[in-house]
Structures are given as C-alpha cells and as structure tokens.
C-alpha cells in the first residue's frame, strides 16, 4: 500500500514542531517527514523530539547530508533512535546541496563516491558488523557499534541525476526524489534504480519516496506559483498542485501510478497553518487515495 506523508518544512520555527507532531499522530497520518537543510533545523534533534512526542506516526528524515556527518556518528545516532523507537524511523541520506557544503568547508571532489562509501559503511554498522574501511573519503579502523539495533533499518538515499540514481539503486534500500520530479521523472528514476539493483535483491520491494509541493485554501495557487517562481522551477512542467482534497488526491494517484510508493505532501514554505495542513492531508486526502 502506498503511504501518504507530510513534511514539516524547516522554514517553520522548531517550536511549532510539537503541535504538528501531535496532529499527525492523532489524525492518522501515515508519515511525518523532516529535513536537515542548511542552516535550519537539525534532522536528528527534530526526529528524536518527534518520536518522543508521538505514539504511532512514522517519522522520516529526508535527508541527512553525508559530508556534514562522520558515518560512525550517524550510525550511533540512528542505532540509538531505533533501539528507543523500533521501526518508527525512516532514515534518508544524501550527498547534500553542493553550495551549502562549500559554505561549511565540507564540499568534496566526488560527491557520488562519498555517498557510495557512506552507504556501504552505514548499512554495515547498523547491521552489527565490525568494519575497517580505507576509502577515498570514509575511513574506519576496526569500528563496530556497542548498541546496534535489533534489526538493521532500511537506509534510503536522495538522488536526481542518472549516475546518483544508479549508485542509490545499487547501495541503498530505497530512493527519495525531490518535488521537482514530475510523473515522467518518477518513471524514469524508478527504471534506473531498479535496473541497478543487485540481482539477488531485484524481487524485493524498493521504496520510492517522492515529495509533492501542495497547497490548499485561500491563495493556494498563488503560493505554489510564487514558490516555484522563486526557486526557478516554474519552467518544469507538471509539478506542484493547489486545490481541494480531490485535486491533490488526483495528483497523488498519478504519482502512485508512475511508481511512487510513498508520496509526501510538501506545503509551501509560507504555509500559514501547518497543523491544519497535516489534518487536511490525513482526514481529507488520505481517504481518497486508499
């Protein structure tokens, strides 16, 4: 079954997160997603708070930029959360926005190489292995977690271009696509990652998480158009949706038909009522896509 989520945009102040989490938990939303965008809220801090404030909703982080975090630290953080809240986290990593990585002095010459090395090491550590790695970027000497999770969680990775999609298909447990991805882009990405899957895993389910820019209520169309214009994405056809529950659900269904296994509604950065948007998604949109 395809899941429906909402992302808490880090353009919202962190003190608003608690009310959003509670609304997600109470309303029956499948997934609440968080971002670690520079230089807004931290992904691990917000995920820990969201998991602690809720009982049932799954909490996703999409994504942690790998240049910012030593892989052993990420493994420690995720293992800790998995042991405290087993199976409720959805963990995504990515090579990060390169301009931001440059701002903090962590830009690397080959982001794809770093992502591949990182995925291999992170998944091994979370599986309880003791590893030594002498990669171009990832270097570990006889490292193992003292408190690995009882079951290694799937690790998803963000990707856009075909080279990164191939690496993610080979080395990650699922892919996360941005809201700049129209239905045809979802089909193309799904084909690339599935073609890259190891033969032994080809028959296993492979999550494809897609963000969908969405807005409802007064001024919804104007807010979506303004955000796309401001980000230089208004020339990409067939992304973003504004309207009532039926209009948004119809777009979600098209994304599902194109291959998405989880559609995450992405409110505009200036969404005036993030709590209301969560309840709208869970109570009005979700029944139309079940």
Protein backbone atom coordinates (compact mmCIF):
# COMPACT_ATOMS: atom_id res chain seq x y z
CA UNK A 1 0.00 0.00 0.00
CA UNK A 2 1.26 3.45 -0.87
CA UNK A 3 1.71 5.70 2.15
CA UNK A 4 0.88 9.38 2.42
CA UNK A 5 3.03 11.77 4.38
CA UNK A 6 3.54 15.46 5.09
CA UNK A 7 6.86 17.21 5.58
CA UNK A 8 7.35 19.72 8.38
CA UNK A 9 9.25 22.37 6.49
CA UNK A 10 12.26 23.73 8.42
CA UNK A 11 11.22 27.20 7.31
CA UNK A 12 8.80 26.84 10.22
CA UNK A 13 10.37 27.61 13.63
CA UNK A 14 11.27 24.49 15.61
CA UNK A 15 8.94 25.39 18.46
CA UNK A 16 5.98 24.71 16.12
CA UNK A 17 7.01 21.07 15.63
CA UNK A 18 5.32 19.66 18.72
CA UNK A 19 1.81 20.69 17.67
CA UNK A 20 2.40 19.34 14.17
CA UNK A 21 3.63 16.01 15.53
CA UNK A 22 0.62 15.64 17.79
CA UNK A 23 -1.74 16.47 14.92
CA UNK A 24 -0.03 13.87 12.73
CA UNK A 25 -0.26 11.22 15.46
CA UNK A 26 -3.89 11.94 16.34
CA UNK A 27 -5.21 12.32 12.79
CA UNK A 28 -3.89 9.00 11.48
CA UNK A 29 -1.28 10.39 9.08
CA UNK A 30 1.00 7.63 7.81
CA UNK A 31 4.31 9.53 7.88
CA UNK A 32 5.68 12.85 9.09
CA UNK A 33 8.89 13.87 7.35
CA UNK A 34 11.65 16.25 8.45
CA UNK A 35 14.52 17.91 6.60
CA UNK A 36 18.07 18.80 7.53
CA UNK A 37 18.51 21.82 5.28
CA UNK A 38 21.35 24.25 5.92
CA UNK A 39 21.09 26.28 8.04
CA UNK A 40 17.77 25.50 9.62
CA UNK A 41 16.81 22.64 11.98
CA UNK A 42 18.91 19.55 12.65
CA UNK A 43 17.46 16.27 11.42
CA UNK A 44 18.42 14.07 14.36
CA UNK A 45 17.27 16.54 17.02
CA UNK A 46 13.89 17.04 15.38
CA UNK A 47 13.44 13.30 14.71
CA UNK A 48 14.17 12.42 18.33
CA UNK A 49 11.67 15.00 19.56
CA UNK A 50 9.01 13.94 17.07
CA UNK A 51 9.36 10.27 18.00
CA UNK A 52 9.18 11.09 21.71
CA UNK A 53 6.08 13.27 21.27
CA UNK A 54 4.16 10.64 19.30
CA UNK A 55 2.99 7.05 19.63
CA UNK A 56 2.24 5.70 16.17
CA UNK A 57 3.13 8.00 13.25
CA UNK A 58 6.31 7.07 11.43
CA UNK A 59 8.94 9.81 11.32
CA UNK A 60 11.18 10.21 8.28
CA UNK A 61 14.33 12.25 7.83
CA UNK A 62 14.88 13.13 4.21
CA UNK A 63 17.77 13.70 4.22
CA UNK A 64 20.94 13.87 6.31
CA UNK A 65 23.75 15.40 4.17
CA UNK A 66 26.63 12.94 4.42
CA UNK A 67 29.51 15.46 4.12
CA UNK A 68 28.34 17.04 7.38
CA UNK A 69 28.35 13.83 9.45
CA UNK A 70 31.00 11.23 10.14
CA UNK A 71 29.41 7.92 9.24
CA UNK A 72 30.16 6.42 12.67
CA UNK A 73 28.28 9.28 14.35
CA UNK A 74 25.29 8.82 12.04
CA UNK A 75 25.28 5.09 12.78
CA UNK A 76 25.37 5.79 16.53
CA UNK A 77 22.50 8.27 16.29
CA UNK A 78 20.28 6.05 14.16
CA UNK A 79 21.01 2.96 16.24
CA UNK A 80 20.08 4.84 19.40
CA UNK A 81 16.77 6.02 17.95
CA UNK A 82 15.99 2.58 16.53
CA UNK A 83 16.51 0.98 19.93
CA UNK A 84 14.31 3.57 21.65
CA UNK A 85 11.61 3.69 18.94
CA UNK A 86 11.94 0.42 17.00
CA UNK A 87 10.72 0.54 13.42
CA UNK A 88 9.20 4.02 13.58
CA UNK A 89 12.02 5.90 11.89
CA UNK A 90 12.59 6.23 8.14
CA UNK A 91 16.18 7.26 7.50
CA UNK A 92 17.47 9.01 4.41
CA UNK A 93 20.91 10.33 3.48
CA UNK A 94 22.18 12.32 0.52
CA UNK A 95 25.29 13.99 -0.83
CA UNK A 96 23.91 17.41 0.08
CA UNK A 97 23.43 20.66 -1.80
CA UNK A 98 26.93 21.40 -3.03
CA UNK A 99 26.77 25.17 -2.49
CA UNK A 100 25.84 24.58 1.14
CA UNK A 101 28.57 22.01 1.56
CA UNK A 102 31.02 24.57 0.22
CA UNK A 103 29.81 27.16 2.71
CA UNK A 104 30.77 24.93 5.63
CA UNK A 105 34.03 23.71 4.13
CA UNK A 106 32.83 20.15 3.50
CA UNK A 107 32.45 20.05 -0.27
CA UNK A 108 34.19 17.02 -1.78
CA UNK A 109 35.52 16.45 -5.27
CA UNK A 110 33.33 13.39 -5.88
CA UNK A 111 30.01 13.51 -4.00
CA UNK A 112 28.88 10.26 -5.63
CA UNK A 113 31.97 8.39 -4.41
CA UNK A 114 31.40 9.69 -0.89
CA UNK A 115 27.73 8.68 -0.97
CA UNK A 116 28.56 5.13 -2.11
CA UNK A 117 31.26 4.66 0.53
CA UNK A 118 28.99 6.14 3.18
CA UNK A 119 26.01 3.92 2.32
CA UNK A 120 28.12 0.77 2.43
CA UNK A 121 29.67 1.68 5.79
CA UNK A 122 26.45 2.91 7.40
CA UNK A 123 24.46 -0.16 6.45
CA UNK A 124 27.23 -2.45 7.66
CA UNK A 125 27.49 -0.71 11.04
CA UNK A 126 23.73 -0.77 11.57
CA UNK A 127 23.77 -4.49 10.73
CA UNK A 128 26.11 -5.01 13.69
CA UNK A 129 29.25 -5.63 11.67
CA UNK A 130 32.77 -4.70 12.74
CA UNK A 131 34.43 -3.00 9.80
CA UNK A 132 37.64 -1.42 8.62
CA UNK A 133 37.28 0.90 5.64
CA UNK A 134 40.03 2.64 3.69
CA UNK A 135 38.05 4.55 1.12
CA UNK A 136 38.66 7.82 -0.63
CA UNK A 137 36.54 9.61 1.98
CA UNK A 138 35.27 7.09 4.52
CA UNK A 139 37.99 5.74 6.81
CA UNK A 140 37.20 3.47 9.73
CA UNK A 141 39.60 1.33 11.75
CA UNK A 142 38.03 -1.69 13.47
CA UNK A 143 34.72 0.06 14.21
CA UNK A 144 31.55 -1.58 15.50
CA UNK A 145 28.53 -0.31 17.41
CA UNK A 146 28.23 -1.42 21.01
CA UNK A 147 24.46 -0.89 20.81
CA UNK A 148 23.38 -1.85 17.27
CA UNK A 149 19.63 -2.01 16.63
CA UNK A 150 17.96 -5.40 16.98
CA UNK A 151 17.12 -5.20 13.27
CA UNK A 152 19.04 -3.04 10.82
CA UNK A 153 16.71 -0.33 9.46
CA UNK A 154 16.47 0.34 5.73
CA UNK A 155 18.60 3.28 4.61
CA UNK A 156 17.19 5.41 1.81
CA UNK A 157 19.15 7.92 -0.24
CA UNK A 158 18.26 11.01 -2.23
CA UNK A 159 19.07 11.14 -5.93
CA UNK A 160 18.29 13.18 -9.03
CA UNK A 161 20.76 12.53 -11.85
CA UNK A 162 21.19 9.11 -13.50
CA UNK A 163 24.65 8.43 -12.02
CA UNK A 164 23.46 9.04 -8.47
CA UNK A 165 20.27 7.07 -9.12
CA UNK A 166 22.35 4.09 -10.23
CA UNK A 167 24.51 4.25 -7.11
CA UNK A 168 21.43 4.52 -4.92
CA UNK A 169 19.86 1.56 -6.70
CA UNK A 170 22.99 -0.50 -6.03
CA UNK A 171 23.77 0.56 -2.48
CA UNK A 172 20.63 1.90 -0.74
CA UNK A 173 17.37 0.33 0.39
CA UNK A 174 15.19 2.95 -1.31
CA UNK A 175 15.29 6.30 -3.07
CA UNK A 176 13.97 9.77 -2.20
CA UNK A 177 13.01 12.10 -5.07
CA UNK A 178 12.52 15.85 -4.76
CA UNK A 179 9.36 17.81 -5.52
CA UNK A 180 10.97 18.84 -8.81
CA UNK A 181 10.17 15.36 -10.11
CA UNK A 182 7.07 15.10 -12.37
CA UNK A 183 5.32 11.83 -13.13
CA UNK A 184 7.53 11.06 -16.12
CA UNK A 185 10.59 11.71 -13.96
CA UNK A 186 9.34 9.23 -11.38
CA UNK A 187 9.00 6.57 -14.07
CA UNK A 188 12.50 7.27 -15.37
CA UNK A 189 14.04 7.23 -11.90
CA UNK A 190 12.23 4.02 -10.98
CA UNK A 191 13.59 2.34 -14.09
CA UNK A 192 17.16 3.41 -13.35
CA UNK A 193 17.22 2.33 -9.70
CA UNK A 194 15.53 -0.97 -10.39
CA UNK A 195 17.92 -1.77 -13.24
CA UNK A 196 20.81 -1.12 -10.85
CA UNK A 197 19.52 -3.39 -8.09
CA UNK A 198 21.68 -6.43 -7.33
CA UNK A 199 20.14 -9.50 -8.93
CA UNK A 200 19.67 -11.20 -5.57
CA UNK A 201 17.52 -8.27 -4.35
CA UNK A 202 15.68 -7.44 -7.56
CA UNK A 203 12.43 -9.11 -6.46
CA UNK A 204 12.31 -7.33 -3.09
CA UNK A 205 10.19 -4.19 -2.60
CA UNK A 206 12.12 -0.97 -3.19
CA UNK A 207 10.66 2.21 -1.65
CA UNK A 208 10.37 5.24 -3.93
CA UNK A 209 9.56 8.31 -1.84
CA UNK A 210 8.51 11.43 -3.74
CA UNK A 211 7.82 14.91 -2.40
CA UNK A 212 4.87 16.76 -3.94
CA UNK A 213 4.54 20.52 -3.48
CA UNK A 214 0.93 21.13 -2.45
CA UNK A 215 -1.30 23.83 -1.01
CA UNK A 216 -4.97 24.25 -0.18
CA UNK A 217 -7.26 27.02 0.97
CA UNK A 218 -7.35 30.71 0.04
CA UNK A 219 -4.44 31.81 -2.13
CA UNK A 220 -3.17 28.24 -2.58
CA UNK A 221 -2.47 28.52 -6.31
CA UNK A 222 -0.67 31.81 -5.85
CA UNK A 223 1.53 30.41 -3.08
CA UNK A 224 2.54 27.37 -5.14
CA UNK A 225 3.26 29.51 -8.19
CA UNK A 226 5.29 32.00 -6.15
CA UNK A 227 7.41 29.27 -4.59
CA UNK A 228 8.14 27.62 -7.93
CA UNK A 229 8.99 31.01 -9.43
CA UNK A 230 11.22 31.99 -6.53
CA UNK A 231 13.19 28.75 -6.80
CA UNK A 232 13.47 28.89 -10.59
CA UNK A 233 11.34 25.77 -11.01
CA UNK A 234 8.39 27.34 -12.79
CA UNK A 235 9.69 26.07 -16.13
CA UNK A 236 9.38 22.43 -15.05
CA UNK A 237 6.00 21.15 -16.25
CA UNK A 238 3.57 19.20 -14.10
CA UNK A 239 4.98 19.80 -10.62
CA UNK A 240 3.06 21.26 -7.72
CA UNK A 241 -0.67 21.15 -7.07
CA UNK A 242 -3.12 23.56 -5.47
CA UNK A 243 -6.76 22.98 -4.67
CA UNK A 244 -9.12 20.90 -2.60
CA UNK A 245 -8.65 17.35 -1.37
CA UNK A 246 -9.86 15.85 -4.66
CA UNK A 247 -7.40 17.87 -6.75
CA UNK A 248 -4.47 16.93 -4.54
CA UNK A 249 -5.55 13.27 -4.28
CA UNK A 250 -5.78 13.01 -8.07
CA UNK A 251 -2.17 14.18 -8.38
CA UNK A 252 -1.07 11.77 -5.64
CA UNK A 253 -2.75 8.93 -7.55
CA UNK A 254 -0.86 9.91 -10.71
CA UNK A 255 2.40 9.84 -8.74
CA UNK A 256 1.49 6.37 -7.43
CA UNK A 257 0.70 5.16 -10.94
CA UNK A 258 4.11 6.46 -12.02
CA UNK A 259 5.85 4.33 -9.38
CA UNK A 260 5.87 6.22 -6.08
CA UNK A 261 5.41 4.03 -3.01
CA UNK A 262 5.24 7.00 -0.63
CA UNK A 263 4.01 10.48 -1.57
CA UNK A 264 4.98 13.22 0.87
CA UNK A 265 2.96 16.40 0.58
CA UNK A 266 5.29 19.38 0.81
CA UNK A 267 3.49 22.54 1.94
CA UNK A 268 4.80 25.85 0.74
CA UNK A 269 7.47 27.44 2.89
CA UNK A 270 4.97 30.11 3.92
CA UNK A 271 2.15 27.66 4.79
CA UNK A 272 0.03 29.65 7.29
CA UNK A 273 -1.38 26.64 9.16
CA UNK A 274 0.97 23.62 9.27
CA UNK A 275 -1.19 21.85 11.86
CA UNK A 276 -4.30 22.32 9.72
CA UNK A 277 -2.42 21.12 6.63
CA UNK A 278 -1.48 17.87 8.41
CA UNK A 279 -5.08 17.27 9.44
CA UNK A 280 -6.29 18.10 5.92
CA UNK A 281 -3.86 15.56 4.42
CA UNK A 282 -4.77 12.80 6.88
CA UNK A 283 -8.52 13.34 7.13
CA UNK A 284 -9.44 14.55 3.63
CA UNK A 285 -6.74 13.49 1.15
CA UNK A 286 -5.79 10.11 2.63
CA UNK A 287 -9.27 8.51 2.26
CA UNK A 288 -9.29 9.42 -1.44
CA UNK A 289 -6.03 7.58 -2.18
CA UNK A 290 -6.55 4.48 -0.01
